[in-house]
């Protein structure tokens, strides 16, 4: 059982990257998914989340209007499209999965940066140069 985030890399300020989150050994479609990040010397923070159905999502204020979360059930993958990147977006990004039965979609999307998660993926490093 494994959750894997990938797609990180080096980008210039103002550029874009798309992160992907894929599950191995369990059905991602049965889970709400959150994206988190941790910058050097800082605590982990919530970035965005999406409900199991994809009908509800939430974003940290720092990434609103720049990042977009989505999920593709056919590919069992959740994406984080990151545009207008800033140097302060530099961090290791993680995806996390919470079983949908633990939270309603509304409850999850409202509290997704605070709730408990069942699985955490290995992170992917995003570096944004100025």
C-alpha atoms as a PDB file:
ATOM      1  CA  UNK A   1       0.000   0.000   0.000  1.00  0.00           C
ATOM      2  CA  UNK A   2       1.572   3.219  -1.100  1.00  0.00           C
ATOM      3  CA  UNK A   3       0.662   6.766  -1.977  1.00  0.00           C
ATOM      4  CA  UNK A   4       3.047   8.535  -4.296  1.00  0.00           C
ATOM      5  CA  UNK A   5       3.350  12.200  -5.196  1.00  0.00           C
ATOM      6  CA  UNK A   6       5.424  13.101  -8.210  1.00  0.00           C
ATOM      7  CA  UNK A   7       5.937  15.808 -10.787  1.00  0.00           C
ATOM      8  CA  UNK A   8       8.080  18.169  -8.751  1.00  0.00           C
ATOM      9  CA  UNK A   9      11.123  19.877 -10.115  1.00  0.00           C
ATOM     10  CA  UNK A  10      12.707  23.225 -10.758  1.00  0.00           C
ATOM     11  CA  UNK A  11      10.661  26.117 -12.083  1.00  0.00           C
ATOM     12  CA  UNK A  12      11.235  29.810 -12.504  1.00  0.00           C
ATOM     13  CA  UNK A  13       9.073  32.345 -10.740  1.00  0.00           C
ATOM     14  CA  UNK A  14       5.920  32.814 -12.759  1.00  0.00           C
ATOM     15  CA  UNK A  15       6.169  29.334 -14.202  1.00  0.00           C
ATOM     16  CA  UNK A  16       4.008  26.252 -13.774  1.00  0.00           C
ATOM     17  CA  UNK A  17       4.253  22.688 -12.598  1.00  0.00           C
ATOM     18  CA  UNK A  18       1.681  19.928 -12.260  1.00  0.00           C
ATOM     19  CA  UNK A  19       1.915  17.465  -9.426  1.00  0.00           C
ATOM     20  CA  UNK A  20       0.241  14.068  -9.489  1.00  0.00           C
ATOM     21  CA  UNK A  21      -0.813  11.772  -6.672  1.00  0.00           C
ATOM     22  CA  UNK A  22      -1.341   8.075  -7.344  1.00  0.00           C
ATOM     23  CA  UNK A  23      -2.219   5.178  -5.077  1.00  0.00           C
ATOM     24  CA  UNK A  24      -0.756   1.699  -5.250  1.00  0.00           C
ATOM     25  CA  UNK A  25      -2.543  -1.115  -3.486  1.00  0.00           C
ATOM     26  CA  UNK A  26      -5.771   0.669  -2.639  1.00  0.00           C
ATOM     27  CA  UNK A  27      -8.486   2.480  -4.589  1.00  0.00           C
ATOM     28  CA  UNK A  28      -7.823   6.195  -4.585  1.00  0.00           C
ATOM     29  CA  UNK A  29     -11.404   6.787  -5.632  1.00  0.00           C
ATOM     30  CA  UNK A  30     -12.553   5.816  -2.124  1.00  0.00           C
ATOM     31  CA  UNK A  31     -10.584   8.614  -0.524  1.00  0.00           C
ATOM     32  CA  UNK A  32     -10.649  12.341  -0.020  1.00  0.00           C
ATOM     33  CA  UNK A  33      -7.235  13.745  -0.984  1.00  0.00           C
ATOM     34  CA  UNK A  34      -5.224  16.581   0.468  1.00  0.00           C
ATOM     35  CA  UNK A  35      -2.017  18.263  -0.634  1.00  0.00           C
ATOM     36  CA  UNK A  36       0.409  19.580   1.950  1.00  0.00           C
ATOM     37  CA  UNK A  37       3.845  21.107   1.784  1.00  0.00           C
ATOM     38  CA  UNK A  38       6.787  21.643   4.041  1.00  0.00           C
ATOM     39  CA  UNK A  39       9.407  24.256   3.357  1.00  0.00           C
ATOM     40  CA  UNK A  40      12.881  24.081   4.885  1.00  0.00           C
ATOM     41  CA  UNK A  41      12.767  25.113   8.512  1.00  0.00           C
ATOM     42  CA  UNK A  42       8.992  25.474   8.520  1.00  0.00           C
ATOM     43  CA  UNK A  43       6.072  23.402   9.682  1.00  0.00           C
ATOM     44  CA  UNK A  44       3.965  21.441   7.279  1.00  0.00           C
ATOM     45  CA  UNK A  45       0.994  23.365   5.948  1.00  0.00           C
ATOM     46  CA  UNK A  46      -2.111  22.508   4.014  1.00  0.00           C
ATOM     47  CA  UNK A  47      -2.217  23.575   0.386  1.00  0.00           C
ATOM     48  CA  UNK A  48      -5.389  22.176  -1.145  1.00  0.00           C
ATOM     49  CA  UNK A  49      -7.844  19.313  -0.886  1.00  0.00           C
ATOM     50  CA  UNK A  50     -10.560  17.647  -2.895  1.00  0.00           C
ATOM     51  CA  UNK A  51     -13.440  15.461  -1.829  1.00  0.00           C
ATOM     52  CA  UNK A  52     -13.850  11.895  -2.990  1.00  0.00           C
ATOM     53  CA  UNK A  53     -16.368  12.867  -5.660  1.00  0.00           C
ATOM     54  CA  UNK A  54     -14.384  15.878  -6.738  1.00  0.00           C
ATOM     55  CA  UNK A  55     -17.354  18.082  -6.017  1.00  0.00           C
ATOM     56  CA  UNK A  56     -15.790  20.030  -3.194  1.00  0.00           C
ATOM     57  CA  UNK A  57     -12.339  21.523  -2.830  1.00  0.00           C
ATOM     58  CA  UNK A  58     -10.486  24.003  -0.696  1.00  0.00           C
ATOM     59  CA  UNK A  59      -7.317  26.046  -0.928  1.00  0.00           C
ATOM     60  CA  UNK A  60      -4.945  27.808   1.386  1.00  0.00           C
ATOM     61  CA  UNK A  61      -5.152  31.571   0.994  1.00  0.00           C
ATOM     62  CA  UNK A  62      -1.544  31.655  -0.181  1.00  0.00           C
ATOM     63  CA  UNK A  63      -2.315  29.577  -3.280  1.00  0.00           C
ATOM     64  CA  UNK A  64      -5.844  30.649  -4.181  1.00  0.00           C
ATOM     65  CA  UNK A  65      -6.238  31.779  -7.781  1.00  0.00           C
ATOM     66  CA  UNK A  66      -2.878  30.165  -8.624  1.00  0.00           C
ATOM     67  CA  UNK A  67      -3.290  26.464  -7.844  1.00  0.00           C
ATOM     68  CA  UNK A  68      -6.033  24.133  -9.040  1.00  0.00           C
ATOM     69  CA  UNK A  69      -6.776  20.693  -7.668  1.00  0.00           C
ATOM     70  CA  UNK A  70      -8.587  18.061  -9.702  1.00  0.00           C
ATOM     71  CA  UNK A  71      -9.006  14.320  -9.904  1.00  0.00           C
ATOM     72  CA  UNK A  72      -9.365  11.864 -12.743  1.00  0.00           C
ATOM     73  CA  UNK A  73     -11.243   8.766 -11.662  1.00  0.00           C
ATOM     74  CA  UNK A  74     -10.354   6.884 -14.839  1.00  0.00           C
ATOM     75  CA  UNK A  75      -6.684   7.297 -14.038  1.00  0.00           C
ATOM     76  CA  UNK A  76      -7.158   7.128 -10.275  1.00  0.00           C
ATOM     77  CA  UNK A  77      -4.994  10.208  -9.956  1.00  0.00           C
ATOM     78  CA  UNK A  78      -5.297  13.556  -8.226  1.00  0.00           C
ATOM     79  CA  UNK A  79      -3.555  16.559  -9.725  1.00  0.00           C
ATOM     80  CA  UNK A  80      -2.336  19.865  -8.386  1.00  0.00           C
ATOM     81  CA  UNK A  81      -1.814  22.379 -11.157  1.00  0.00           C
ATOM     82  CA  UNK A  82       0.445  25.125  -9.899  1.00  0.00           C
ATOM     83  CA  UNK A  83       0.640  28.343 -11.903  1.00  0.00           C
ATOM     84  CA  UNK A  84       2.274  31.689 -11.261  1.00  0.00           C
ATOM     85  CA  UNK A  85       4.767  30.005  -8.986  1.00  0.00           C
ATOM     86  CA  UNK A  86       6.610  32.063  -6.423  1.00  0.00           C
ATOM     87  CA  UNK A  87       9.908  31.375  -4.634  1.00  0.00           C
ATOM     88  CA  UNK A  88       7.907  30.955  -1.428  1.00  0.00           C
ATOM     89  CA  UNK A  89       6.178  27.933  -2.987  1.00  0.00           C
ATOM     90  CA  UNK A  90       9.470  26.066  -2.685  1.00  0.00           C
ATOM     91  CA  UNK A  91       8.829  23.029  -0.510  1.00  0.00           C
ATOM     92  CA  UNK A  92       8.421  19.294  -0.440  1.00  0.00           C
ATOM     93  CA  UNK A  93       4.846  18.551  -1.452  1.00  0.00           C
ATOM     94  CA  UNK A  94       2.934  15.579  -0.067  1.00  0.00           C
ATOM     95  CA  UNK A  95      -0.430  14.093  -0.843  1.00  0.00           C
ATOM     96  CA  UNK A  96      -2.524  12.374   1.789  1.00  0.00           C
ATOM     97  CA  UNK A  97      -5.630  10.183   1.631  1.00  0.00           C
ATOM     98  CA  UNK A  98      -8.580  10.003   4.045  1.00  0.00           C
ATOM     99  CA  UNK A  99     -11.222   7.269   3.711  1.00  0.00           C
ATOM    100  CA  UNK A 100     -14.408   8.865   2.491  1.00  0.00           C
ATOM    101  CA  UNK A 101     -16.500   7.191   5.222  1.00  0.00           C
ATOM    102  CA  UNK A 102     -14.670   9.151   7.906  1.00  0.00           C
ATOM    103  CA  UNK A 103     -15.949  12.523   6.734  1.00  0.00           C
ATOM    104  CA  UNK A 104     -18.765  13.890   4.650  1.00  0.00           C
ATOM    105  CA  UNK A 105     -17.616  15.811   1.614  1.00  0.00           C
ATOM    106  CA  UNK A 106     -18.727  19.090   3.123  1.00  0.00           C
ATOM    107  CA  UNK A 107     -17.089  18.394   6.478  1.00  0.00           C
ATOM    108  CA  UNK A 108     -13.906  17.232   4.826  1.00  0.00           C
ATOM    109  CA  UNK A 109     -13.520  20.187   2.460  1.00  0.00           C
ATOM    110  CA  UNK A 110     -14.164  22.610   5.302  1.00  0.00           C
ATOM    111  CA  UNK A 111     -11.664  21.055   7.712  1.00  0.00           C
ATOM    112  CA  UNK A 112      -9.296  19.233   5.369  1.00  0.00           C
ATOM    113  CA  UNK A 113      -6.150  20.865   6.719  1.00  0.00           C
ATOM    114  CA  UNK A 114      -7.021  19.680  10.235  1.00  0.00           C
ATOM    115  CA  UNK A 115      -8.513  16.205   9.829  1.00  0.00           C
ATOM    116  CA  UNK A 116      -6.703  12.920  10.189  1.00  0.00           C
ATOM    117  CA  UNK A 117      -5.452  11.022   7.158  1.00  0.00           C
ATOM    118  CA  UNK A 118      -5.057   7.310   6.623  1.00  0.00           C
ATOM    119  CA  UNK A 119      -2.145   7.407   4.222  1.00  0.00           C
ATOM    120  CA  UNK A 120       0.638   9.846   3.475  1.00  0.00           C
ATOM    121  CA  UNK A 121       2.687   9.706   0.323  1.00  0.00           C
ATOM    122  CA  UNK A 122       6.341  10.284  -0.216  1.00  0.00           C
ATOM    123  CA  UNK A 123       6.904  13.886  -1.086  1.00  0.00           C
ATOM    124  CA  UNK A 124       8.108  15.519  -4.238  1.00  0.00           C
ATOM    125  CA  UNK A 125      10.383  18.550  -4.163  1.00  0.00           C
ATOM    126  CA  UNK A 126       9.326  21.765  -5.839  1.00  0.00           C
ATOM    127  CA  UNK A 127      11.957  24.461  -6.184  1.00  0.00           C
ATOM    128  CA  UNK A 128      11.043  27.868  -7.557  1.00  0.00           C
ATOM    129  CA  UNK A 129      13.865  30.188  -8.501  1.00  0.00           C
ATOM    130  CA  UNK A 130      13.523  33.943  -8.562  1.00  0.00           C
END
